PDB file of all heavy atoms in Angstrom:
ATOM      1  N   GLU A   1       8.391   2.182   2.910  1.00  0.00           N
ATOM      2  CA  GLU A   1       9.107   3.436   2.966  1.00  0.00           C
ATOM      3  C   GLU A   1       8.427   4.475   2.043  1.00  0.00           C
ATOM      4  O   GLU A   1       7.614   4.139   1.223  1.00  0.00           O
ATOM      5  CB  GLU A   1      10.544   3.210   2.521  1.00  0.00           C
ATOM      6  CG  GLU A   1      11.354   2.384   3.458  1.00  0.00           C
ATOM      7  CD  GLU A   1      11.661   3.115   4.792  1.00  0.00           C
ATOM      8  OE1 GLU A   1      11.558   4.322   4.842  1.00  0.00           O
ATOM      9  OE2 GLU A   1      12.018   2.393   5.784  1.00  0.00           O
ATOM     10  N   PRO A   2       8.788   5.753   2.208  1.00  0.00           N
ATOM     11  CA  PRO A   2       8.134   6.852   1.434  1.00  0.00           C
ATOM     12  C   PRO A   2       8.224   6.593  -0.074  1.00  0.00           C
ATOM     13  O   PRO A   2       9.276   6.135  -0.618  1.00  0.00           O
ATOM     14  CB  PRO A   2       8.946   8.084   1.840  1.00  0.00           C
ATOM     15  CG  PRO A   2       9.383   7.758   3.206  1.00  0.00           C
ATOM     16  CD  PRO A   2       9.682   6.315   3.274  1.00  0.00           C
ATOM     17  N   GLU A   3       7.129   6.848  -0.769  1.00  0.00           N
ATOM     18  CA  GLU A   3       7.053   6.850  -2.177  1.00  0.00           C
ATOM     19  C   GLU A   3       7.342   5.545  -2.856  1.00  0.00           C
ATOM     20  O   GLU A   3       7.654   5.475  -4.027  1.00  0.00           O
ATOM     21  CB  GLU A   3       7.887   7.979  -2.796  1.00  0.00           C
ATOM     22  CG  GLU A   3       7.553   9.366  -2.277  1.00  0.00           C
ATOM     23  CD  GLU A   3       8.348  10.514  -2.929  1.00  0.00           C
ATOM     24  OE1 GLU A   3       8.944  10.291  -3.967  1.00  0.00           O
ATOM     25  OE2 GLU A   3       8.308  11.589  -2.331  1.00  0.00           O
ATOM     26  N   THR A   4       7.226   4.411  -2.091  1.00  0.00           N
ATOM     27  CA  THR A   4       7.641   3.119  -2.681  1.00  0.00           C
ATOM     28  C   THR A   4       6.824   2.774  -3.858  1.00  0.00           C
ATOM     29  O   THR A   4       7.364   2.225  -4.835  1.00  0.00           O
ATOM     30  CB  THR A   4       7.383   2.010  -1.543  1.00  0.00           C
ATOM     31  OG1 THR A   4       8.227   2.336  -0.451  1.00  0.00           O
ATOM     32  CG2 THR A   4       7.841   0.666  -2.110  1.00  0.00           C
ATOM     33  N   PHE A   5       5.520   3.042  -3.866  1.00  0.00           N
ATOM     34  CA  PHE A   5       4.651   2.704  -5.005  1.00  0.00           C
ATOM     35  C   PHE A   5       3.963   3.940  -5.592  1.00  0.00           C
ATOM     36  O   PHE A   5       2.943   3.843  -6.228  1.00  0.00           O
ATOM     37  CB  PHE A   5       3.614   1.683  -4.564  1.00  0.00           C
ATOM     38  CG  PHE A   5       4.217   0.427  -4.025  1.00  0.00           C
ATOM     39  CD1 PHE A   5       4.115   0.177  -2.612  1.00  0.00           C
ATOM     40  CD2 PHE A   5       4.812  -0.521  -4.826  1.00  0.00           C
ATOM     41  CE1 PHE A   5       4.657  -0.990  -2.075  1.00  0.00           C
ATOM     42  CE2 PHE A   5       5.388  -1.683  -4.238  1.00  0.00           C
ATOM     43  CZ  PHE A   5       5.272  -1.904  -2.913  1.00  0.00           C
ATOM     44  N   LYS A   6       4.586   5.086  -5.413  1.00  0.00           N
ATOM     45  CA  LYS A   6       3.975   6.342  -5.893  1.00  0.00           C
ATOM     46  C   LYS A   6       3.809   6.348  -7.369  1.00  0.00           C
ATOM     47  O   LYS A   6       4.678   5.829  -8.115  1.00  0.00           O
ATOM     48  CB  LYS A   6       4.883   7.506  -5.467  1.00  0.00           C
ATOM     49  CG  LYS A   6       4.328   8.881  -5.903  1.00  0.00           C
ATOM     50  CD  LYS A   6       5.284  10.013  -5.444  1.00  0.00           C
ATOM     51  CE  LYS A   6       4.753  11.335  -5.924  1.00  0.00           C
ATOM     52  NZ  LYS A   6       5.657  12.445  -5.527  1.00  0.00           N
ATOM     53  N   ASN A   7       2.671   6.762  -7.826  1.00  0.00           N
ATOM     54  CA  ASN A   7       2.378   6.959  -9.280  1.00  0.00           C
ATOM     55  C   ASN A   7       2.252   5.656 -10.000  1.00  0.00           C
ATOM     56  O   ASN A   7       2.575   5.595 -11.219  1.00  0.00           O
ATOM     57  CB  ASN A   7       3.327   7.911  -9.971  1.00  0.00           C
ATOM     58  CG  ASN A   7       3.213   9.329  -9.472  1.00  0.00           C
ATOM     59  OD1 ASN A   7       2.172   9.717  -8.952  1.00  0.00           O
ATOM     60  ND2 ASN A   7       4.281  10.089  -9.604  1.00  0.00           N
ATOM     61  N   CYS A   8       1.956   4.527  -9.286  1.00  0.00           N
ATOM     62  CA  CYS A   8       1.672   3.286  -9.982  1.00  0.00           C
ATOM     63  C   CYS A   8       0.203   3.263 -10.290  1.00  0.00           C
ATOM     64  O   CYS A   8      -0.629   2.738  -9.540  1.00  0.00           O
ATOM     65  CB  CYS A   8       1.991   2.061  -9.069  1.00  0.00           C
ATOM     66  SG  CYS A   8       3.836   1.980  -8.780  1.00  0.00           S
ATOM     67  N   GLU A   9      -0.179   3.882 -11.357  1.00  0.00           N
ATOM     68  CA  GLU A   9      -1.586   4.213 -11.626  1.00  0.00           C
ATOM     69  C   GLU A   9      -2.466   2.966 -11.837  1.00  0.00           C
ATOM     70  O   GLU A   9      -3.686   3.084 -11.642  1.00  0.00           O
ATOM     71  CB  GLU A   9      -1.704   5.072 -12.938  1.00  0.00           C
ATOM     72  CG  GLU A   9      -1.070   6.425 -12.768  1.00  0.00           C
ATOM     73  CD  GLU A   9       0.345   6.516 -13.320  1.00  0.00           C
ATOM     74  OE1 GLU A   9       0.907   5.442 -13.466  1.00  0.00           O
ATOM     75  OE2 GLU A   9       0.780   7.607 -13.702  1.00  0.00           O
ATOM     76  N   LEU A  10      -1.905   1.850 -12.221  1.00  0.00           N
ATOM     77  CA  LEU A  10      -2.721   0.632 -12.444  1.00  0.00           C
ATOM     78  C   LEU A  10      -2.715  -0.291 -11.285  1.00  0.00           C
ATOM     79  O   LEU A  10      -3.383  -1.381 -11.335  1.00  0.00           O
ATOM     80  CB  LEU A  10      -2.233  -0.129 -13.712  1.00  0.00           C
ATOM     81  CG  LEU A  10      -2.362   0.621 -15.031  1.00  0.00           C
ATOM     82  CD1 LEU A  10      -1.870  -0.290 -16.159  1.00  0.00           C
ATOM     83  CD2 LEU A  10      -3.774   1.087 -15.223  1.00  0.00           C
ATOM     84  N   LEU A  11      -2.030   0.042 -10.149  1.00  0.00           N
ATOM     85  CA  LEU A  11      -1.976  -0.862  -9.016  1.00  0.00           C
ATOM     86  C   LEU A  11      -3.406  -0.989  -8.402  1.00  0.00           C
ATOM     87  O   LEU A  11      -4.031  -0.017  -7.975  1.00  0.00           O
ATOM     88  CB  LEU A  11      -1.045  -0.263  -7.971  1.00  0.00           C
ATOM     89  CG  LEU A  11      -0.819  -1.106  -6.705  1.00  0.00           C
ATOM     90  CD1 LEU A  11      -0.233  -2.488  -7.039  1.00  0.00           C
ATOM     91  CD2 LEU A  11       0.064  -0.401  -5.678  1.00  0.00           C
ATOM     92  N   GLU A  12      -3.893  -2.228  -8.410  1.00  0.00           N
ATOM     93  CA  GLU A  12      -5.215  -2.518  -7.901  1.00  0.00           C
ATOM     94  C   GLU A  12      -5.225  -3.223  -6.564  1.00  0.00           C
ATOM     95  O   GLU A  12      -6.093  -2.905  -5.685  1.00  0.00           O
ATOM     96  CB  GLU A  12      -5.970  -3.412  -8.917  1.00  0.00           C
ATOM     97  CG  GLU A  12      -6.208  -2.721 -10.261  1.00  0.00           C
ATOM     98  CD  GLU A  12      -6.837  -3.647 -11.280  1.00  0.00           C
ATOM     99  OE1 GLU A  12      -7.004  -4.839 -10.936  1.00  0.00           O
ATOM    100  OE2 GLU A  12      -7.228  -3.195 -12.356  1.00  0.00           O
ATOM    101  N   THR A  13      -4.368  -4.190  -6.380  1.00  0.00           N
ATOM    102  CA  THR A  13      -4.389  -4.948  -5.170  1.00  0.00           C
ATOM    103  C   THR A  13      -3.007  -5.036  -4.492  1.00  0.00           C
ATOM    104  O   THR A  13      -1.983  -5.073  -5.147  1.00  0.00           O
ATOM    105  CB  THR A  13      -4.843  -6.416  -5.451  1.00  0.00           C
ATOM    106  OG1 THR A  13      -4.015  -7.021  -6.413  1.00  0.00           O
ATOM    107  CG2 THR A  13      -6.246  -6.413  -5.946  1.00  0.00           C
ATOM    108  N   VAL A  14      -3.062  -5.030  -3.121  1.00  0.00           N
ATOM    109  CA  VAL A  14      -1.846  -5.178  -2.308  1.00  0.00           C
ATOM    110  C   VAL A  14      -2.212  -6.319  -1.322  1.00  0.00           C
ATOM    111  O   VAL A  14      -3.125  -6.189  -0.564  1.00  0.00           O
ATOM    112  CB  VAL A  14      -1.515  -3.868  -1.542  1.00  0.00           C
ATOM    113  CG1 VAL A  14      -0.304  -4.042  -0.668  1.00  0.00           C
ATOM    114  CG2 VAL A  14      -1.316  -2.713  -2.523  1.00  0.00           C
ATOM    115  N   SER A  15      -1.435  -7.336  -1.354  1.00  0.00           N
ATOM    116  CA  SER A  15      -1.618  -8.438  -0.437  1.00  0.00           C
ATOM    117  C   SER A  15      -0.475  -8.491   0.540  1.00  0.00           C
ATOM    118  O   SER A  15       0.664  -8.042   0.276  1.00  0.00           O
ATOM    119  CB  SER A  15      -1.758  -9.790  -1.167  1.00  0.00           C
ATOM    120  OG  SER A  15      -0.566 -10.085  -1.889  1.00  0.00           O
ATOM    121  N   PHE A  16      -0.777  -9.040   1.734  1.00  0.00           N
ATOM    122  CA  PHE A  16       0.213  -9.104   2.831  1.00  0.00           C
ATOM    123  C   PHE A  16       0.393 -10.616   3.188  1.00  0.00           C
ATOM    124  O   PHE A  16      -0.500 -11.285   3.541  1.00  0.00           O
ATOM    125  CB  PHE A  16      -0.293  -8.314   4.022  1.00  0.00           C
ATOM    126  CG  PHE A  16      -0.430  -6.859   3.719  1.00  0.00           C
ATOM    127  CD1 PHE A  16      -1.652  -6.357   3.244  1.00  0.00           C
ATOM    128  CD2 PHE A  16       0.622  -5.968   3.873  1.00  0.00           C
ATOM    129  CE1 PHE A  16      -1.852  -5.029   2.922  1.00  0.00           C
ATOM    130  CE2 PHE A  16       0.474  -4.631   3.569  1.00  0.00           C
ATOM    131  CZ  PHE A  16      -0.751  -4.117   3.109  1.00  0.00           C
ATOM    132  N   GLU A  17       1.728 -10.978   3.275  1.00  0.00           N
ATOM    133  CA  GLU A  17       2.037 -12.320   3.634  1.00  0.00           C
ATOM    134  C   GLU A  17       1.871 -12.416   5.184  1.00  0.00           C
ATOM    135  O   GLU A  17       2.244 -11.552   5.960  1.00  0.00           O
ATOM    136  CB  GLU A  17       3.493 -12.556   3.240  1.00  0.00           C
ATOM    137  CG  GLU A  17       3.957 -14.007   3.510  1.00  0.00           C
ATOM    138  CD  GLU A  17       5.440 -14.161   3.118  1.00  0.00           C
ATOM    139  OE1 GLU A  17       6.263 -13.480   3.721  1.00  0.00           O
ATOM    140  OE2 GLU A  17       5.725 -14.994   2.276  1.00  0.00           O
ATOM    141  N   MET A  18       1.366 -13.571   5.616  1.00  0.00           N
ATOM    142  CA  MET A  18       1.160 -13.768   7.052  1.00  0.00           C
ATOM    143  C   MET A  18       2.391 -14.461   7.642  1.00  0.00           C
ATOM    144  O   MET A  18       3.008 -15.231   6.943  1.00  0.00           O
ATOM    145  CB  MET A  18      -0.086 -14.623   7.255  1.00  0.00           C
ATOM    146  CG  MET A  18      -1.348 -14.022   6.729  1.00  0.00           C
ATOM    147  SD  MET A  18      -1.898 -12.552   7.562  1.00  0.00           S
ATOM    148  CE  MET A  18      -2.572 -13.277   9.032  1.00  0.00           C
ATOM    149  N   PRO A  19       2.742 -14.282   8.936  1.00  0.00           N
ATOM    150  CA  PRO A  19       2.065 -13.295   9.846  1.00  0.00           C
ATOM    151  C   PRO A  19       2.627 -11.889   9.500  1.00  0.00           C
ATOM    152  O   PRO A  19       3.805 -11.742   9.146  1.00  0.00           O
ATOM    153  CB  PRO A  19       2.553 -13.760  11.226  1.00  0.00           C
ATOM    154  CG  PRO A  19       3.933 -14.393  10.944  1.00  0.00           C
ATOM    155  CD  PRO A  19       3.781 -15.098   9.557  1.00  0.00           C
ATOM    156  N   ILE A  20       1.828 -10.900   9.659  1.00  0.00           N
ATOM    157  CA  ILE A  20       2.142  -9.567   9.244  1.00  0.00           C
ATOM    158  C   ILE A  20       2.909  -8.830  10.334  1.00  0.00           C
ATOM    159  O   ILE A  20       2.534  -8.839  11.519  1.00  0.00           O
ATOM    160  CB  ILE A  20       0.832  -8.757   8.956  1.00  0.00           C
ATOM    161  CG1 ILE A  20       0.062  -9.502   7.771  1.00  0.00           C
ATOM    162  CG2 ILE A  20       1.133  -7.319   8.534  1.00  0.00           C
ATOM    163  CD1 ILE A  20      -1.315  -8.972   7.561  1.00  0.00           C
ATOM    164  N   SER A  21       3.985  -8.140   9.931  1.00  0.00           N
ATOM    165  CA  SER A  21       4.851  -7.386  10.901  1.00  0.00           C
ATOM    166  C   SER A  21       4.741  -5.859  10.591  1.00  0.00           C
ATOM    167  O   SER A  21       5.282  -5.070  11.421  1.00  0.00           O
ATOM    168  CB  SER A  21       6.303  -7.832  10.779  1.00  0.00           C
ATOM    169  OG  SER A  21       6.394  -9.210  11.018  1.00  0.00           O
ATOM    170  N   LEU A  22       4.086  -5.491   9.539  1.00  0.00           N
ATOM    171  CA  LEU A  22       4.081  -4.089   9.104  1.00  0.00           C
ATOM    172  C   LEU A  22       3.513  -3.152  10.192  1.00  0.00           C
ATOM    173  O   LEU A  22       2.478  -3.397  10.702  1.00  0.00           O
ATOM    174  CB  LEU A  22       3.205  -3.982   7.822  1.00  0.00           C
ATOM    175  CG  LEU A  22       3.309  -2.571   7.118  1.00  0.00           C
ATOM    176  CD1 LEU A  22       4.694  -2.367   6.554  1.00  0.00           C
ATOM    177  CD2 LEU A  22       2.198  -2.523   6.006  1.00  0.00           C
ATOM    178  N   LYS A  23       4.281  -2.115  10.476  1.00  0.00           N
ATOM    179  CA  LYS A  23       3.927  -1.121  11.482  1.00  0.00           C
ATOM    180  C   LYS A  23       3.653   0.263  10.968  1.00  0.00           C
ATOM    181  O   LYS A  23       2.876   1.046  11.544  1.00  0.00           O
ATOM    182  CB  LYS A  23       4.976  -1.070  12.608  1.00  0.00           C
ATOM    183  CG  LYS A  23       5.078  -2.331  13.435  1.00  0.00           C
ATOM    184  CD  LYS A  23       6.147  -2.153  14.517  1.00  0.00           C
ATOM    185  CE  LYS A  23       6.192  -3.379  15.471  1.00  0.00           C
ATOM    186  NZ  LYS A  23       6.449  -4.627  14.770  1.00  0.00           N
ATOM    187  N   ILE A  24       4.345   0.621   9.829  1.00  0.00           N
ATOM    188  CA  ILE A  24       4.222   1.969   9.313  1.00  0.00           C
ATOM    189  C   ILE A  24       3.936   1.921   7.817  1.00  0.00           C
ATOM    190  O   ILE A  24       4.629   1.277   7.058  1.00  0.00           O
ATOM    191  CB  ILE A  24       5.514   2.777   9.601  1.00  0.00           C
ATOM    192  CG1 ILE A  24       5.799   2.875  11.092  1.00  0.00           C
ATOM    193  CG2 ILE A  24       5.419   4.143   8.961  1.00  0.00           C
ATOM    194  CD1 ILE A  24       7.150   3.478  11.429  1.00  0.00           C
ATOM    195  N   VAL A  25       2.879   2.718   7.402  1.00  0.00           N
ATOM    196  CA  VAL A  25       2.641   2.948   5.985  1.00  0.00           C
ATOM    197  C   VAL A  25       3.266   4.329   5.682  1.00  0.00           C
ATOM    198  O   VAL A  25       2.770   5.308   6.160  1.00  0.00           O
ATOM    199  CB  VAL A  25       1.117   2.921   5.679  1.00  0.00           C
ATOM    200  CG1 VAL A  25       0.909   3.191   4.207  1.00  0.00           C
ATOM    201  CG2 VAL A  25       0.537   1.581   6.061  1.00  0.00           C
ATOM    202  N   GLY A  26       4.334   4.324   4.966  1.00  0.00           N
ATOM    203  CA  GLY A  26       5.156   5.503   4.812  1.00  0.00           C
ATOM    204  C   GLY A  26       4.582   6.632   4.005  1.00  0.00           C
ATOM    205  O   GLY A  26       3.589   6.477   3.241  1.00  0.00           O
ATOM    206  N   GLU A  27       5.211   7.742   4.085  1.00  0.00           N
ATOM    207  CA  GLU A  27       4.821   8.996   3.456  1.00  0.00           C
ATOM    208  C   GLU A  27       4.713   8.830   1.913  1.00  0.00           C
ATOM    209  O   GLU A  27       5.697   8.325   1.285  1.00  0.00           O
ATOM    210  CB  GLU A  27       5.767  10.107   3.783  1.00  0.00           C
ATOM    211  CG  GLU A  27       5.382  11.464   3.309  1.00  0.00           C
ATOM    212  CD  GLU A  27       6.274  12.617   3.783  1.00  0.00           C
ATOM    213  OE1 GLU A  27       6.986  12.355   4.835  1.00  0.00           O
ATOM    214  OE2 GLU A  27       6.309  13.621   3.159  1.00  0.00           O
ATOM    215  N   ARG A  28       3.602   9.132   1.342  1.00  0.00           N
ATOM    216  CA  ARG A  28       3.326   9.105  -0.100  1.00  0.00           C
ATOM    217  C   ARG A  28       3.523   7.757  -0.756  1.00  0.00           C
ATOM    218  O   ARG A  28       3.761   7.663  -1.935  1.00  0.00           O
ATOM    219  CB  ARG A  28       4.198  10.192  -0.816  1.00  0.00           C
ATOM    220  CG  ARG A  28       3.988  11.602  -0.395  1.00  0.00           C
ATOM    221  CD  ARG A  28       4.832  12.596  -1.155  1.00  0.00           C
ATOM    222  NE  ARG A  28       4.699  13.953  -0.636  1.00  0.00           N
ATOM    223  CZ  ARG A  28       3.747  14.864  -0.993  1.00  0.00           C
ATOM    224  NH1 ARG A  28       2.882  14.493  -1.925  1.00  0.00           N
ATOM    225  NH2 ARG A  28       3.758  15.997  -0.511  1.00  0.00           N
ATOM    226  N   CYS A  29       3.526   6.705   0.091  1.00  0.00           N
ATOM    227  CA  CYS A  29       3.887   5.395  -0.517  1.00  0.00           C
ATOM    228  C   CYS A  29       2.853   4.866  -1.569  1.00  0.00           C
ATOM    229  O   CYS A  29       3.307   4.167  -2.442  1.00  0.00           O
ATOM    230  CB  CYS A  29       4.055   4.385   0.615  1.00  0.00           C
ATOM    231  SG  CYS A  29       2.601   3.953   1.508  1.00  0.00           S
ATOM    232  N   PHE A  30       1.634   5.260  -1.426  1.00  0.00           N
ATOM    233  CA  PHE A  30       0.659   4.853  -2.449  1.00  0.00           C
ATOM    234  C   PHE A  30       0.011   6.060  -3.161  1.00  0.00           C
ATOM    235  O   PHE A  30      -1.095   5.928  -3.746  1.00  0.00           O
ATOM    236  CB  PHE A  30      -0.459   3.983  -1.785  1.00  0.00           C
ATOM    237  CG  PHE A  30      -0.011   2.607  -1.326  1.00  0.00           C
ATOM    238  CD1 PHE A  30       0.115   2.412   0.046  1.00  0.00           C
ATOM    239  CD2 PHE A  30       0.334   1.649  -2.188  1.00  0.00           C
ATOM    240  CE1 PHE A  30       0.536   1.197   0.502  1.00  0.00           C
ATOM    241  CE2 PHE A  30       0.732   0.426  -1.713  1.00  0.00           C
ATOM    242  CZ  PHE A  30       0.881   0.166  -0.367  1.00  0.00           C
ATOM    243  N   GLU A  31       0.671   7.170  -3.123  1.00  0.00           N
ATOM    244  CA  GLU A  31       0.145   8.385  -3.666  1.00  0.00           C
ATOM    245  C   GLU A  31      -0.119   8.184  -5.213  1.00  0.00           C
ATOM    246  O   GLU A  31       0.702   7.670  -5.931  1.00  0.00           O
ATOM    247  CB  GLU A  31       1.100   9.516  -3.488  1.00  0.00           C
ATOM    248  CG  GLU A  31       0.598  10.889  -4.028  1.00  0.00           C
ATOM    249  CD  GLU A  31       1.508  12.053  -3.679  1.00  0.00           C
ATOM    250  OE1 GLU A  31       2.714  11.819  -3.710  1.00  0.00           O
ATOM    251  OE2 GLU A  31       1.008  13.168  -3.373  1.00  0.00           O
ATOM    252  N   ASN A  32      -1.279   8.619  -5.588  1.00  0.00           N
ATOM    253  CA  ASN A  32      -1.719   8.585  -7.011  1.00  0.00           C
ATOM    254  C   ASN A  32      -1.823   7.176  -7.560  1.00  0.00           C
ATOM    255  O   ASN A  32      -1.609   6.947  -8.778  1.00  0.00           O
ATOM    256  CB  ASN A  32      -0.807   9.450  -7.920  1.00  0.00           C
ATOM    257  CG  ASN A  32      -0.842  10.947  -7.542  1.00  0.00           C
ATOM    258  OD1 ASN A  32      -1.862  11.418  -7.137  1.00  0.00           O
ATOM    259  ND2 ASN A  32       0.267  11.638  -7.731  1.00  0.00           N
ATOM    260  N   CYS A  33      -2.083   6.204  -6.760  1.00  0.00           N
ATOM    261  CA  CYS A  33      -2.397   4.805  -7.282  1.00  0.00           C
ATOM    262  C   CYS A  33      -3.907   4.879  -7.584  1.00  0.00           C
ATOM    263  O   CYS A  33      -4.776   4.476  -6.830  1.00  0.00           O
ATOM    264  CB  CYS A  33      -2.096   3.816  -6.192  1.00  0.00           C
ATOM    265  SG  CYS A  33      -0.341   3.611  -5.864  1.00  0.00           S
ATOM    266  N   THR A  34      -4.239   5.387  -8.723  1.00  0.00           N
ATOM    267  CA  THR A  34      -5.595   5.817  -9.102  1.00  0.00           C
ATOM    268  C   THR A  34      -6.521   4.623  -9.412  1.00  0.00           C
ATOM    269  O   THR A  34      -7.702   4.850  -9.610  1.00  0.00           O
ATOM    270  CB  THR A  34      -5.582   6.781 -10.263  1.00  0.00           C
ATOM    271  OG1 THR A  34      -4.815   6.237 -11.324  1.00  0.00           O
ATOM    272  CG2 THR A  34      -4.908   8.100  -9.815  1.00  0.00           C
ATOM    273  N   SER A  35      -5.962   3.398  -9.528  1.00  0.00           N
ATOM    274  CA  SER A  35      -6.839   2.258  -9.805  1.00  0.00           C
ATOM    275  C   SER A  35      -7.185   1.430  -8.549  1.00  0.00           C
ATOM    276  O   SER A  35      -7.998   0.522  -8.621  1.00  0.00           O
ATOM    277  CB  SER A  35      -6.143   1.318 -10.798  1.00  0.00           C
ATOM    278  OG  SER A  35      -6.011   1.888 -12.083  1.00  0.00           O
ATOM    279  N   MET A  36      -6.581   1.820  -7.455  1.00  0.00           N
ATOM    280  CA  MET A  36      -6.855   1.066  -6.178  1.00  0.00           C
ATOM    281  C   MET A  36      -8.257   1.398  -5.706  1.00  0.00           C
ATOM    282  O   MET A  36      -8.569   2.557  -5.453  1.00  0.00           O
ATOM    283  CB  MET A  36      -5.806   1.445  -5.158  1.00  0.00           C
ATOM    284  CG  MET A  36      -5.874   0.673  -3.882  1.00  0.00           C
ATOM    285  SD  MET A  36      -4.743   1.221  -2.602  1.00  0.00           S
ATOM    286  CE  MET A  36      -3.126   0.807  -3.418  1.00  0.00           C
ATOM    287  N   LYS A  37      -9.094   0.371  -5.523  1.00  0.00           N
ATOM    288  CA  LYS A  37     -10.463   0.599  -5.066  1.00  0.00           C
ATOM    289  C   LYS A  37     -10.681   0.286  -3.588  1.00  0.00           C
ATOM    290  O   LYS A  37     -11.505   0.899  -2.933  1.00  0.00           O
ATOM    291  CB  LYS A  37     -11.405  -0.240  -5.918  1.00  0.00           C
ATOM    292  CG  LYS A  37     -11.473   0.238  -7.372  1.00  0.00           C
ATOM    293  CD  LYS A  37     -12.438  -0.600  -8.141  1.00  0.00           C
ATOM    294  CE  LYS A  37     -12.498  -0.195  -9.599  1.00  0.00           C
ATOM    295  NZ  LYS A  37     -13.451  -0.963 -10.418  1.00  0.00           N
ATOM    296  N   LYS A  38      -9.980  -0.672  -3.113  1.00  0.00           N
ATOM    297  CA  LYS A  38     -10.108  -1.119  -1.724  1.00  0.00           C
ATOM    298  C   LYS A  38      -8.714  -1.297  -1.089  1.00  0.00           C
ATOM    299  O   LYS A  38      -7.831  -1.723  -1.742  1.00  0.00           O
ATOM    300  CB  LYS A  38     -10.904  -2.389  -1.544  1.00  0.00           C
ATOM    301  CG  LYS A  38     -12.366  -2.286  -1.993  1.00  0.00           C
ATOM    302  CD  LYS A  38     -13.104  -3.590  -1.790  1.00  0.00           C
ATOM    303  CE  LYS A  38     -14.568  -3.436  -2.218  1.00  0.00           C
ATOM    304  NZ  LYS A  38     -15.308  -4.724  -2.013  1.00  0.00           N
ATOM    305  N   MET A  39      -8.624  -0.994   0.204  1.00  0.00           N
ATOM    306  CA  MET A  39      -7.384  -1.172   0.906  1.00  0.00           C
ATOM    307  C   MET A  39      -7.644  -1.696   2.288  1.00  0.00           C
ATOM    308  O   MET A  39      -8.320  -0.997   3.071  1.00  0.00           O
ATOM    309  CB  MET A  39      -6.551   0.127   0.905  1.00  0.00           C
ATOM    310  CG  MET A  39      -5.206  -0.047   1.603  1.00  0.00           C
ATOM    311  SD  MET A  39      -4.075  -1.192   0.677  1.00  0.00           S
ATOM    312  CE  MET A  39      -2.621  -1.200   1.778  1.00  0.00           C
ATOM    313  N   TRP A  40      -7.146  -2.869   2.620  1.00  0.00           N
ATOM    314  CA  TRP A  40      -7.249  -3.387   3.935  1.00  0.00           C
ATOM    315  C   TRP A  40      -5.877  -3.155   4.624  1.00  0.00           C
ATOM    316  O   TRP A  40      -4.854  -3.712   4.273  1.00  0.00           O
ATOM    317  CB  TRP A  40      -7.556  -4.890   3.936  1.00  0.00           C
ATOM    318  CG  TRP A  40      -7.454  -5.524   5.259  1.00  0.00           C
ATOM    319  CD1 TRP A  40      -8.239  -5.366   6.354  1.00  0.00           C
ATOM    320  CD2 TRP A  40      -6.427  -6.441   5.628  1.00  0.00           C
ATOM    321  NE1 TRP A  40      -7.821  -6.136   7.385  1.00  0.00           N
ATOM    322  CE2 TRP A  40      -6.716  -6.839   7.035  1.00  0.00           C
ATOM    323  CE3 TRP A  40      -5.330  -7.069   5.009  1.00  0.00           C
ATOM    324  CZ2 TRP A  40      -5.924  -7.680   7.744  1.00  0.00           C
ATOM    325  CZ3 TRP A  40      -4.561  -7.964   5.729  1.00  0.00           C
ATOM    326  CH2 TRP A  40      -4.842  -8.272   7.048  1.00  0.00           C
ATOM    327  N   ILE A  41      -5.849  -2.285   5.564  1.00  0.00           N
ATOM    328  CA  ILE A  41      -4.660  -2.001   6.353  1.00  0.00           C
ATOM    329  C   ILE A  41      -4.491  -3.018   7.427  1.00  0.00           C
ATOM    330  O   ILE A  41      -5.406  -3.229   8.214  1.00  0.00           O
ATOM    331  CB  ILE A  41      -4.636  -0.514   6.955  1.00  0.00           C
ATOM    332  CG1 ILE A  41      -4.758   0.462   5.780  1.00  0.00           C
ATOM    333  CG2 ILE A  41      -3.431  -0.290   7.796  1.00  0.00           C
ATOM    334  CD1 ILE A  41      -4.907   1.859   6.230  1.00  0.00           C
ATOM    335  N   PRO A  42      -3.353  -3.746   7.465  1.00  0.00           N
ATOM    336  CA  PRO A  42      -3.203  -4.838   8.449  1.00  0.00           C
ATOM    337  C   PRO A  42      -3.328  -4.398   9.892  1.00  0.00           C
ATOM    338  O   PRO A  42      -3.035  -3.232  10.254  1.00  0.00           O
ATOM    339  CB  PRO A  42      -1.794  -5.305   8.172  1.00  0.00           C
ATOM    340  CG  PRO A  42      -1.537  -4.887   6.758  1.00  0.00           C
ATOM    341  CD  PRO A  42      -2.220  -3.627   6.548  1.00  0.00           C
ATOM    342  N   TYR A  43      -3.731  -5.286  10.748  1.00  0.00           N
ATOM    343  CA  TYR A  43      -3.913  -4.986  12.155  1.00  0.00           C
ATOM    344  C   TYR A  43      -2.602  -4.737  12.939  1.00  0.00           C
ATOM    345  O   TYR A  43      -2.674  -4.433  14.161  1.00  0.00           O
ATOM    346  CB  TYR A  43      -4.711  -6.083  12.812  1.00  0.00           C
ATOM    347  CG  TYR A  43      -6.200  -5.975  12.549  1.00  0.00           C
ATOM    348  CD1 TYR A  43      -6.785  -6.621  11.436  1.00  0.00           C
ATOM    349  CD2 TYR A  43      -7.045  -5.228  13.378  1.00  0.00           C
ATOM    350  CE1 TYR A  43      -8.125  -6.523  11.186  1.00  0.00           C
ATOM    351  CE2 TYR A  43      -8.390  -5.106  13.111  1.00  0.00           C
ATOM    352  CZ  TYR A  43      -8.929  -5.737  12.025  1.00  0.00           C
ATOM    353  OH  TYR A  43     -10.212  -5.644  11.756  1.00  0.00           O
ATOM    354  N   SER A  44      -1.496  -4.890  12.285  1.00  0.00           N
ATOM    355  CA  SER A  44      -0.205  -4.580  12.961  1.00  0.00           C
ATOM    356  C   SER A  44       0.174  -3.102  12.792  1.00  0.00           C
ATOM    357  O   SER A  44       1.090  -2.649  13.493  1.00  0.00           O
ATOM    358  CB  SER A  44       0.865  -5.519  12.314  1.00  0.00           C
ATOM    359  OG  SER A  44       0.946  -5.269  10.917  1.00  0.00           O
TER     360      SER A  44
END
């Protein structure tokens, strides 16, 4: 959902439990996560 992890400046990794059901990456959900270097968006 929107802004779920907004302004989590030290957030580096996001992992997804299998099997993945995620369909929508919401508005501003990772905004200003300034430590995140890589992001693998699931195939769902």
